[in-house]
């Protein structure tokens, strides 16, 4: 698959772990950015999405907030068709 997936997380976020496990179990490659370790990225992320929460997942330019496996698969399948 040629999806470009970026997952924004924090260290102590249990929902972030759920998204990470889901993407891994679905064999979807992703880049993870821990915003605890990259505060400038966090500021840019908040400016872009207007959301202060994690996880935030960007799949081919489309934002998904929280753990929404159905929407993630819809976006992946829409882009691959």
PDB file of N, CA and C in Angstrom:
ATOM      1  N   UNK A   1       0.839  -1.179   0.000  1.00  0.00           N
ATOM      2  CA  UNK A   1       0.000   0.000   0.000  1.00  0.00           C
ATOM      3  C   UNK A   1       0.879   1.235   0.000  1.00  0.00           C
ATOM      4  N   UNK A   2       0.378   2.309  -0.569  1.00  0.00           N
ATOM      5  CA  UNK A   2       1.165   3.527  -0.636  1.00  0.00           C
ATOM      6  C   UNK A   2       0.564   4.646   0.190  1.00  0.00           C
ATOM      7  N   UNK A   3      -0.189   4.276   1.245  1.00  0.00           N
ATOM      8  CA  UNK A   3      -0.757   5.278   2.133  1.00  0.00           C
ATOM      9  C   UNK A   3       0.356   5.987   2.877  1.00  0.00           C
ATOM     10  N   UNK A   4       0.141   7.261   3.081  1.00  0.00           N
ATOM     11  CA  UNK A   4       1.052   8.024   3.928  1.00  0.00           C
ATOM     12  C   UNK A   4       0.302   8.294   5.222  1.00  0.00           C
ATOM     13  N   UNK A   5       0.745   7.646   6.296  1.00  0.00           N
ATOM     14  CA  UNK A   5       0.056   7.731   7.583  1.00  0.00           C
ATOM     15  C   UNK A   5       1.020   8.289   8.624  1.00  0.00           C
ATOM     16  N   UNK A   6       0.566   9.344   9.303  1.00  0.00           N
ATOM     17  CA  UNK A   6       1.335   9.906  10.406  1.00  0.00           C
ATOM     18  C   UNK A   6       0.451   9.901  11.642  1.00  0.00           C
ATOM     19  N   UNK A   7       0.973   9.328  12.707  1.00  0.00           N
ATOM     20  CA  UNK A   7       0.253   9.215  13.969  1.00  0.00           C
ATOM     21  C   UNK A   7       0.938  10.110  14.999  1.00  0.00           C
ATOM     22  N   UNK A   8       0.186  11.053  15.559  1.00  0.00           N
ATOM     23  CA  UNK A   8       0.686  11.956  16.582  1.00  0.00           C
ATOM     24  C   UNK A   8       0.222  11.435  17.940  1.00  0.00           C
ATOM     25  N   UNK A   9       1.173  11.222  18.854  1.00  0.00           N
ATOM     26  CA  UNK A   9       0.884  10.591  20.135  1.00  0.00           C
ATOM     27  C   UNK A   9       1.567  11.333  21.275  1.00  0.00           C
ATOM     28  N   UNK A  10       1.248  10.881  22.503  1.00  0.00           N
ATOM     29  CA  UNK A  10       2.016  11.265  23.684  1.00  0.00           C
ATOM     30  C   UNK A  10       2.415   9.976  24.400  1.00  0.00           C
ATOM     31  N   UNK A  11       3.334  10.095  25.322  1.00  0.00           N
ATOM     32  CA  UNK A  11       3.901   8.926  25.988  1.00  0.00           C
ATOM     33  C   UNK A  11       2.880   8.134  26.807  1.00  0.00           C
ATOM     34  N   UNK A  12       2.055   8.811  27.560  1.00  0.00           N
ATOM     35  CA  UNK A  12       1.153   8.137  28.498  1.00  0.00           C
ATOM     36  C   UNK A  12      -0.280   7.979  27.993  1.00  0.00           C
ATOM     37  N   UNK A  13      -0.500   8.041  26.716  1.00  0.00           N
ATOM     38  CA  UNK A  13      -1.850   8.013  26.146  1.00  0.00           C
ATOM     39  C   UNK A  13      -2.281   6.575  25.814  1.00  0.00           C
ATOM     40  N   UNK A  14      -3.278   6.032  26.547  1.00  0.00           N
ATOM     41  CA  UNK A  14      -3.726   4.666  26.255  1.00  0.00           C
ATOM     42  C   UNK A  14      -4.440   4.551  24.910  1.00  0.00           C
ATOM     43  N   UNK A  15      -5.142   5.590  24.503  1.00  0.00           N
ATOM     44  CA  UNK A  15      -5.835   5.549  23.209  1.00  0.00           C
ATOM     45  C   UNK A  15      -4.818   5.565  22.065  1.00  0.00           C
ATOM     46  N   UNK A  16      -3.706   6.255  22.269  1.00  0.00           N
ATOM     47  CA  UNK A  16      -2.632   6.252  21.269  1.00  0.00           C
ATOM     48  C   UNK A  16      -2.126   4.831  21.042  1.00  0.00           C
ATOM     49  N   UNK A  17      -2.002   4.081  22.126  1.00  0.00           N
ATOM     50  CA  UNK A  17      -1.571   2.685  22.016  1.00  0.00           C
ATOM     51  C   UNK A  17      -2.579   1.855  21.229  1.00  0.00           C
ATOM     52  N   UNK A  18      -3.857   2.139  21.407  1.00  0.00           N
ATOM     53  CA  UNK A  18      -4.886   1.424  20.657  1.00  0.00           C
ATOM     54  C   UNK A  18      -4.742   1.682  19.166  1.00  0.00           C
ATOM     55  N   UNK A  19      -4.529   2.942  18.787  1.00  0.00           N
ATOM     56  CA  UNK A  19      -4.364   3.282  17.372  1.00  0.00           C
ATOM     57  C   UNK A  19      -3.097   2.630  16.829  1.00  0.00           C
ATOM     58  N   UNK A  20      -2.017   2.717  17.577  1.00  0.00           N
ATOM     59  CA  UNK A  20      -0.740   2.117  17.166  1.00  0.00           C
ATOM     60  C   UNK A  20      -0.915   0.610  16.924  1.00  0.00           C
ATOM     61  N   UNK A  21      -1.559  -0.073  17.862  1.00  0.00           N
ATOM     62  CA  UNK A  21      -1.785  -1.515  17.723  1.00  0.00           C
ATOM     63  C   UNK A  21      -2.678  -1.829  16.530  1.00  0.00           C
ATOM     64  N   UNK A  22      -3.704  -1.033  16.323  1.00  0.00           N
ATOM     65  CA  UNK A  22      -4.600  -1.243  15.190  1.00  0.00           C
ATOM     66  C   UNK A  22      -3.847  -1.113  13.862  1.00  0.00           C
ATOM     67  N   UNK A  23      -3.091  -0.039  13.707  1.00  0.00           N
ATOM     68  CA  UNK A  23      -2.353   0.163  12.459  1.00  0.00           C
ATOM     69  C   UNK A  23      -1.353  -0.970  12.226  1.00  0.00           C
ATOM     70  N   UNK A  24      -0.686  -1.387  13.289  1.00  0.00           N
ATOM     71  CA  UNK A  24       0.277  -2.486  13.180  1.00  0.00           C
ATOM     72  C   UNK A  24      -0.430  -3.788  12.798  1.00  0.00           C
ATOM     73  N   UNK A  25      -1.538  -4.094  13.457  1.00  0.00           N
ATOM     74  CA  UNK A  25      -2.285  -5.324  13.167  1.00  0.00           C
ATOM     75  C   UNK A  25      -2.861  -5.336  11.760  1.00  0.00           C
ATOM     76  N   UNK A  26      -3.144  -4.164  11.201  1.00  0.00           N
ATOM     77  CA  UNK A  26      -3.683  -4.075   9.837  1.00  0.00           C
ATOM     78  C   UNK A  26      -2.556  -4.014   8.797  1.00  0.00           C
ATOM     79  N   UNK A  27      -1.315  -4.156   9.256  1.00  0.00           N
ATOM     80  CA  UNK A  27      -0.135  -4.094   8.376  1.00  0.00           C
ATOM     81  C   UNK A  27      -0.056  -2.779   7.606  1.00  0.00           C
ATOM     82  N   UNK A  28      -0.424  -1.691   8.272  1.00  0.00           N
ATOM     83  CA  UNK A  28      -0.323  -0.368   7.668  1.00  0.00           C
ATOM     84  C   UNK A  28       0.931   0.308   8.201  1.00  0.00           C
ATOM     85  N   UNK A  29       1.797   0.722   7.311  1.00  0.00           N
ATOM     86  CA  UNK A  29       3.005   1.419   7.727  1.00  0.00           C
ATOM     87  C   UNK A  29       2.644   2.845   8.125  1.00  0.00           C
ATOM     88  N   UNK A  30       3.272   3.313   9.174  1.00  0.00           N
ATOM     89  CA  UNK A  30       2.981   4.665   9.651  1.00  0.00           C
ATOM     90  C   UNK A  30       4.220   5.252  10.298  1.00  0.00           C
ATOM     91  N   UNK A  31       4.226   6.564  10.355  1.00  0.00           N
ATOM     92  CA  UNK A  31       5.268   7.300  11.061  1.00  0.00           C
ATOM     93  C   UNK A  31       4.630   7.819  12.339  1.00  0.00           C
ATOM     94  N   UNK A  32       5.278   7.578  13.459  1.00  0.00           N
ATOM     95  CA  UNK A  32       4.752   8.058  14.733  1.00  0.00           C
ATOM     96  C   UNK A  32       5.583   9.238  15.213  1.00  0.00           C
ATOM     97  N   UNK A  33       4.886  10.283  15.631  1.00  0.00           N
ATOM     98  CA  UNK A  33       5.546  11.449  16.199  1.00  0.00           C
ATOM     99  C   UNK A  33       4.996  11.649  17.609  1.00  0.00           C
ATOM    100  N   UNK A  34       5.873  11.485  18.584  1.00  0.00           N
ATOM    101  CA  UNK A  34       5.511  11.695  19.983  1.00  0.00           C
ATOM    102  C   UNK A  34       5.671  13.187  20.272  1.00  0.00           C
ATOM    103  N   UNK A  35       4.553  13.874  20.453  1.00  0.00           N
ATOM    104  CA  UNK A  35       4.604  15.328  20.630  1.00  0.00           C
ATOM    105  C   UNK A  35       5.156  15.731  21.999  1.00  0.00           C
ATOM    106  N   UNK A  36       5.260  14.781  22.930  1.00  0.00           N
ATOM    107  CA  UNK A  36       5.950  15.067  24.188  1.00  0.00           C
ATOM    108  C   UNK A  36       7.416  15.404  23.915  1.00  0.00           C
ATOM    109  N   UNK A  37       7.973  14.757  22.916  1.00  0.00           N
ATOM    110  CA  UNK A  37       9.384  14.918  22.580  1.00  0.00           C
ATOM    111  C   UNK A  37       9.626  15.995  21.534  1.00  0.00           C
ATOM    112  N   UNK A  38       8.547  16.484  20.911  1.00  0.00           N
ATOM    113  CA  UNK A  38       8.653  17.476  19.837  1.00  0.00           C
ATOM    114  C   UNK A  38       7.643  18.599  20.072  1.00  0.00           C
ATOM    115  N   UNK A  39       7.904  19.491  21.023  1.00  0.00           N
ATOM    116  CA  UNK A  39       6.928  20.537  21.372  1.00  0.00           C
ATOM    117  C   UNK A  39       6.613  21.498  20.225  1.00  0.00           C
ATOM    118  N   UNK A  40       7.557  21.763  19.354  1.00  0.00           N
ATOM    119  CA  UNK A  40       7.283  22.647  18.214  1.00  0.00           C
ATOM    120  C   UNK A  40       6.280  21.979  17.279  1.00  0.00           C
ATOM    121  N   UNK A  41       6.418  20.677  17.101  1.00  0.00           N
ATOM    122  CA  UNK A  41       5.466  19.932  16.277  1.00  0.00           C
ATOM    123  C   UNK A  41       4.076  19.988  16.898  1.00  0.00           C
ATOM    124  N   UNK A  42       4.004  19.907  18.223  1.00  0.00           N
ATOM    125  CA  UNK A  42       2.711  20.007  18.912  1.00  0.00           C
ATOM    126  C   UNK A  42       2.052  21.347  18.630  1.00  0.00           C
ATOM    127  N   UNK A  43       2.799  22.413  18.699  1.00  0.00           N
ATOM    128  CA  UNK A  43       2.246  23.754  18.433  1.00  0.00           C
ATOM    129  C   UNK A  43       1.738  23.836  16.995  1.00  0.00           C
ATOM    130  N   UNK A  44       2.509  23.309  16.054  1.00  0.00           N
ATOM    131  CA  UNK A  44       2.085  23.310  14.645  1.00  0.00           C
ATOM    132  C   UNK A  44       0.835  22.454  14.453  1.00  0.00           C
ATOM    133  N   UNK A  45       0.788  21.306  15.135  1.00  0.00           N
ATOM    134  CA  UNK A  45      -0.362  20.409  15.029  1.00  0.00           C
ATOM    135  C   UNK A  45      -1.628  21.090  15.536  1.00  0.00           C
ATOM    136  N   UNK A  46      -1.537  21.739  16.684  1.00  0.00           N
ATOM    137  CA  UNK A  46      -2.692  22.454  17.239  1.00  0.00           C
ATOM    138  C   UNK A  46      -3.138  23.563  16.284  1.00  0.00           C
ATOM    139  N   UNK A  47      -2.190  24.265  15.707  1.00  0.00           N
ATOM    140  CA  UNK A  47      -2.532  25.313  14.749  1.00  0.00           C
ATOM    141  C   UNK A  47      -3.223  24.769  13.512  1.00  0.00           C
ATOM    142  N   UNK A  48      -2.817  23.590  13.089  1.00  0.00           N
ATOM    143  CA  UNK A  48      -3.380  22.986  11.878  1.00  0.00           C
ATOM    144  C   UNK A  48      -4.764  22.386  12.110  1.00  0.00           C
ATOM    145  N   UNK A  49      -4.932  21.662  13.229  1.00  0.00           N
ATOM    146  CA  UNK A  49      -6.177  20.919  13.449  1.00  0.00           C
ATOM    147  C   UNK A  49      -7.124  21.585  14.436  1.00  0.00           C
ATOM    148  N   UNK A  50      -6.606  22.563  15.200  1.00  0.00           N
ATOM    149  CA  UNK A  50      -7.388  23.233  16.243  1.00  0.00           C
ATOM    150  C   UNK A  50      -7.851  22.260  17.323  1.00  0.00           C
ATOM    151  N   UNK A  51      -7.081  21.195  17.524  1.00  0.00           N
ATOM    152  CA  UNK A  51      -7.386  20.189  18.540  1.00  0.00           C
ATOM    153  C   UNK A  51      -6.208  20.066  19.490  1.00  0.00           C
ATOM    154  N   UNK A  52      -6.517  19.945  20.773  1.00  0.00           N
ATOM    155  CA  UNK A  52      -5.486  19.831  21.795  1.00  0.00           C
ATOM    156  C   UNK A  52      -5.312  18.396  22.266  1.00  0.00           C
ATOM    157  N   UNK A  53      -5.966  17.456  21.619  1.00  0.00           N
ATOM    158  CA  UNK A  53      -5.953  16.069  22.082  1.00  0.00           C
ATOM    159  C   UNK A  53      -5.148  15.173  21.148  1.00  0.00           C
ATOM    160  N   UNK A  54      -4.770  14.031  21.677  1.00  0.00           N
ATOM    161  CA  UNK A  54      -4.158  12.968  20.890  1.00  0.00           C
ATOM    162  C   UNK A  54      -4.927  11.694  21.192  1.00  0.00           C
ATOM    163  N   UNK A  55      -4.870  10.728  20.328  1.00  0.00           N
ATOM    164  CA  UNK A  55      -4.112  10.677  19.092  1.00  0.00           C
ATOM    165  C   UNK A  55      -4.796  11.454  17.973  1.00  0.00           C
ATOM    166  N   UNK A  56      -3.958  11.909  17.079  1.00  0.00           N
ATOM    167  CA  UNK A  56      -4.421  12.492  15.828  1.00  0.00           C
ATOM    168  C   UNK A  56      -3.681  11.746  14.722  1.00  0.00           C
ATOM    169  N   UNK A  57      -4.432  11.269  13.758  1.00  0.00           N
ATOM    170  CA  UNK A  57      -3.848  10.481  12.672  1.00  0.00           C
ATOM    171  C   UNK A  57      -4.145  11.168  11.358  1.00  0.00           C
ATOM    172  N   UNK A  58      -3.120  11.331  10.555  1.00  0.00           N
ATOM    173  CA  UNK A  58      -3.291  11.900   9.226  1.00  0.00           C
ATOM    174  C   UNK A  58      -3.036  10.799   8.214  1.00  0.00           C
ATOM    175  N   UNK A  59      -4.063  10.504   7.413  1.00  0.00           N
ATOM    176  CA  UNK A  59      -3.945   9.494   6.363  1.00  0.00           C
ATOM    177  C   UNK A  59      -4.157  10.191   5.037  1.00  0.00           C
ATOM    178  N   UNK A  60      -3.078  10.313   4.280  1.00  0.00           N
ATOM    179  CA  UNK A  60      -3.135  10.953   2.960  1.00  0.00           C
ATOM    180  C   UNK A  60      -3.810  12.317   3.010  1.00  0.00           C
ATOM    181  N   UNK A  61      -3.543  13.084   4.063  1.00  0.00           N
ATOM    182  CA  UNK A  61      -4.080  14.434   4.159  1.00  0.00           C
ATOM    183  C   UNK A  61      -5.401  14.548   4.893  1.00  0.00           C
ATOM    184  N   UNK A  62      -6.013  13.429   5.252  1.00  0.00           N
ATOM    185  CA  UNK A  62      -7.286  13.464   5.979  1.00  0.00           C
ATOM    186  C   UNK A  62      -7.040  13.176   7.456  1.00  0.00           C
ATOM    187  N   UNK A  63      -7.603  14.025   8.310  1.00  0.00           N
ATOM    188  CA  UNK A  63      -7.401  13.904   9.753  1.00  0.00           C
ATOM    189  C   UNK A  63      -8.448  13.016  10.386  1.00  0.00           C
ATOM    190  N   UNK A  64      -7.996  12.148  11.288  1.00  0.00           N
ATOM    191  CA  UNK A  64      -8.871  11.300  12.090  1.00  0.00           C
ATOM    192  C   UNK A  64      -8.442  11.499  13.538  1.00  0.00           C
ATOM    193  N   UNK A  65      -9.413  11.776  14.393  1.00  0.00           N
ATOM    194  CA  UNK A  65      -9.126  12.093  15.789  1.00  0.00           C
ATOM    195  C   UNK A  65      -9.596  10.957  16.683  1.00  0.00           C
ATOM    196  N   UNK A  66      -8.774  10.602  17.666  1.00  0.00           N
ATOM    197  CA  UNK A  66      -9.115   9.511  18.562  1.00  0.00           C
ATOM    198  C   UNK A  66      -8.934   8.163  17.886  1.00  0.00           C
ATOM    199  N   UNK A  67      -9.604   7.165  18.418  1.00  0.00           N
ATOM    200  CA  UNK A  67      -9.541   5.808  17.874  1.00  0.00           C
ATOM    201  C   UNK A  67     -10.811   5.545  17.083  1.00  0.00           C
ATOM    202  N   UNK A  68     -10.709   5.589  15.778  1.00  0.00           N
ATOM    203  CA  UNK A  68     -11.848   5.390  14.877  1.00  0.00           C
ATOM    204  C   UNK A  68     -11.426   4.431  13.767  1.00  0.00           C
ATOM    205  N   UNK A  69     -11.351   3.123  14.091  1.00  0.00           N
ATOM    206  CA  UNK A  69     -10.847   2.160  13.115  1.00  0.00           C
ATOM    207  C   UNK A  69     -11.695   2.072  11.852  1.00  0.00           C
ATOM    208  N   UNK A  70     -13.004   2.243  11.982  1.00  0.00           N
ATOM    209  CA  UNK A  70     -13.866   2.182  10.801  1.00  0.00           C
ATOM    210  C   UNK A  70     -13.510   3.303   9.836  1.00  0.00           C
ATOM    211  N   UNK A  71     -13.376   4.502  10.354  1.00  0.00           N
ATOM    212  CA  UNK A  71     -13.037   5.648   9.494  1.00  0.00           C
ATOM    213  C   UNK A  71     -11.633   5.489   8.904  1.00  0.00           C
ATOM    214  N   UNK A  72     -10.712   4.977   9.685  1.00  0.00           N
ATOM    215  CA  UNK A  72      -9.356   4.769   9.173  1.00  0.00           C
ATOM    216  C   UNK A  72      -9.371   3.828   7.972  1.00  0.00           C
ATOM    217  N   UNK A  73     -10.101   2.725   8.098  1.00  0.00           N
ATOM    218  CA  UNK A  73     -10.181   1.770   6.986  1.00  0.00           C
ATOM    219  C   UNK A  73     -10.912   2.368   5.792  1.00  0.00           C
ATOM    220  N   UNK A  74     -11.948   3.170   6.059  1.00  0.00           N
ATOM    221  CA  UNK A  74     -12.645   3.840   4.950  1.00  0.00           C
ATOM    222  C   UNK A  74     -11.691   4.739   4.180  1.00  0.00           C
ATOM    223  N   UNK A  75     -10.908   5.527   4.883  1.00  0.00           N
ATOM    224  CA  UNK A  75      -9.975   6.451   4.229  1.00  0.00           C
ATOM    225  C   UNK A  75      -8.918   5.674   3.449  1.00  0.00           C
ATOM    226  N   UNK A  76      -8.389   4.619   4.049  1.00  0.00           N
ATOM    227  CA  UNK A  76      -7.381   3.800   3.354  1.00  0.00           C
ATOM    228  C   UNK A  76      -7.975   3.188   2.098  1.00  0.00           C
ATOM    229  N   UNK A  77      -9.181   2.642   2.193  1.00  0.00           N
ATOM    230  CA  UNK A  77      -9.804   1.980   1.032  1.00  0.00           C
ATOM    231  C   UNK A  77     -10.242   2.986  -0.029  1.00  0.00           C
ATOM    232  N   UNK A  78     -10.712   4.167   0.397  1.00  0.00           N
ATOM    233  CA  UNK A  78     -11.109   5.188  -0.573  1.00  0.00           C
ATOM    234  C   UNK A  78      -9.912   5.621  -1.395  1.00  0.00           C
ATOM    235  N   UNK A  79      -8.778   5.774  -0.741  1.00  0.00           N
ATOM    236  CA  UNK A  79      -7.577   6.251  -1.431  1.00  0.00           C
ATOM    237  C   UNK A  79      -6.971   5.174  -2.323  1.00  0.00           C
ATOM    238  N   UNK A  80      -7.199   3.896  -1.983  1.00  0.00           N
ATOM    239  CA  UNK A  80      -6.570   2.827  -2.759  1.00  0.00           C
ATOM    240  C   UNK A  80      -7.453   2.362  -3.916  1.00  0.00           C
ATOM    241  N   UNK A  81      -8.696   2.828  -3.986  1.00  0.00           N
ATOM    242  CA  UNK A  81      -9.589   2.452  -5.115  1.00  0.00           C
ATOM    243  C   UNK A  81      -9.478   3.425  -6.259  1.00  0.00           C
TER     244      UNK A  81
END
